[in-house]
Amino acid sequence: MIEIWNNVFMEFNRKSDGSLEPLPAKHVDTGMGFERLCMAMQGQISNYDTDVFTPTIRFIERESQYGFYEDRRC
């Protein structure tokens, strides 16, 4: 299962000591990630296999001579 849309309730800031501090303005972030939507619409199983990221990844592969798709560890 892949999450396309999520709701994040912004209410607290976690401080370095682990305690929670109320935010001055509380809100809900209803995030539908563009890259996740593209992944679903293009029938891919990874955001990185969509036309959003593939051209950049291919450029980096050429310039670095590192094969992201061939060398990626699962």
Protein backbone atom coordinates (compact mmCIF):
# COMPACT_ATOMS: atom_id res chain seq x y z
CA MET A 1 0.00 0.00 0.00
CA ILE A 2 1.25 3.49 -0.83
CA GLU A 3 0.10 6.64 0.91
CA ILE A 4 -1.04 9.28 -1.56
CA TRP A 5 -2.65 11.78 0.76
CA ASN A 6 -2.05 12.44 4.44
CA ASN A 7 -3.25 14.72 7.20
CA VAL A 8 -0.72 15.99 9.73
CA PHE A 9 -2.06 17.78 12.79
CA MET A 10 0.46 20.45 13.80
CA GLU A 11 -0.02 21.08 17.48
CA PHE A 12 3.29 20.81 19.34
CA ASN A 13 7.01 21.43 18.96
CA ARG A 14 9.14 18.68 20.50
CA LYS A 15 12.03 20.21 22.40
CA SER A 16 15.49 18.63 22.69
CA ASP A 17 14.66 17.33 26.18
CA GLY A 18 11.67 15.44 24.75
CA SER A 19 8.99 17.70 26.21
CA LEU A 20 6.21 19.11 24.07
CA GLU A 21 5.67 22.83 23.69
CA PRO A 22 2.30 24.03 22.29
CA LEU A 23 2.62 25.87 18.99
CA PRO A 24 1.31 29.44 18.89
CA ALA A 25 -0.80 28.59 15.84
CA LYS A 26 -2.20 25.09 15.40
CA HIS A 27 -3.14 23.83 11.94
CA VAL A 28 -3.63 20.76 9.78
CA ASP A 29 -1.36 20.08 6.82
CA THR A 30 -3.29 18.14 4.20
CA GLY A 31 -0.45 17.00 2.03
CA MET A 32 -0.97 15.29 -1.26
CA GLY A 33 2.59 14.89 -2.39
CA PHE A 34 3.01 15.79 -6.04
CA GLU A 35 5.65 13.12 -6.48
CA ARG A 36 3.43 10.45 -4.85
CA LEU A 37 0.52 11.38 -7.09
CA CYS A 38 2.79 11.16 -10.16
CA MET A 39 4.00 7.75 -8.99
CA ALA A 40 0.43 6.45 -8.71
CA MET A 41 -0.65 7.94 -12.04
CA GLN A 42 2.40 6.55 -13.84
CA GLY A 43 2.02 3.08 -12.29
CA GLN A 44 5.41 3.14 -10.56
CA ILE A 45 6.38 1.73 -7.17
CA SER A 46 8.91 4.45 -6.32
CA ASN A 47 8.81 8.24 -6.55
CA TYR A 48 12.26 8.08 -8.13
CA ASP A 49 11.00 6.04 -11.09
CA THR A 50 8.70 8.83 -12.34
CA ASP A 51 9.34 11.45 -14.98
CA VAL A 52 9.67 13.98 -12.15
CA PHE A 53 12.99 12.55 -10.91
CA THR A 54 14.32 10.27 -13.67
CA PRO A 55 15.87 13.00 -15.87
CA THR A 56 17.76 14.48 -12.90
CA ILE A 57 18.88 11.05 -11.70
CA ARG A 58 20.11 10.14 -15.20
CA PHE A 59 22.06 13.43 -15.41
CA ILE A 60 23.70 12.76 -12.04
CA GLU A 61 24.52 9.20 -13.12
CA ARG A 62 26.24 10.47 -16.27
CA GLU A 63 28.19 13.16 -14.45
CA SER A 64 29.19 11.04 -11.44
CA GLN A 65 29.52 7.73 -13.29
CA TYR A 66 27.56 6.15 -10.46
CA GLY A 67 24.57 4.00 -11.41
CA PHE A 68 21.74 4.87 -9.03
CA TYR A 69 19.39 2.28 -10.47
CA GLU A 70 22.04 -0.40 -10.85
CA ASP A 71 23.85 0.27 -7.54
CA ARG A 72 20.89 1.03 -5.27
CA ARG A 73 20.62 -1.25 -2.27
CA CYS A 74 17.22 -2.44 -1.06
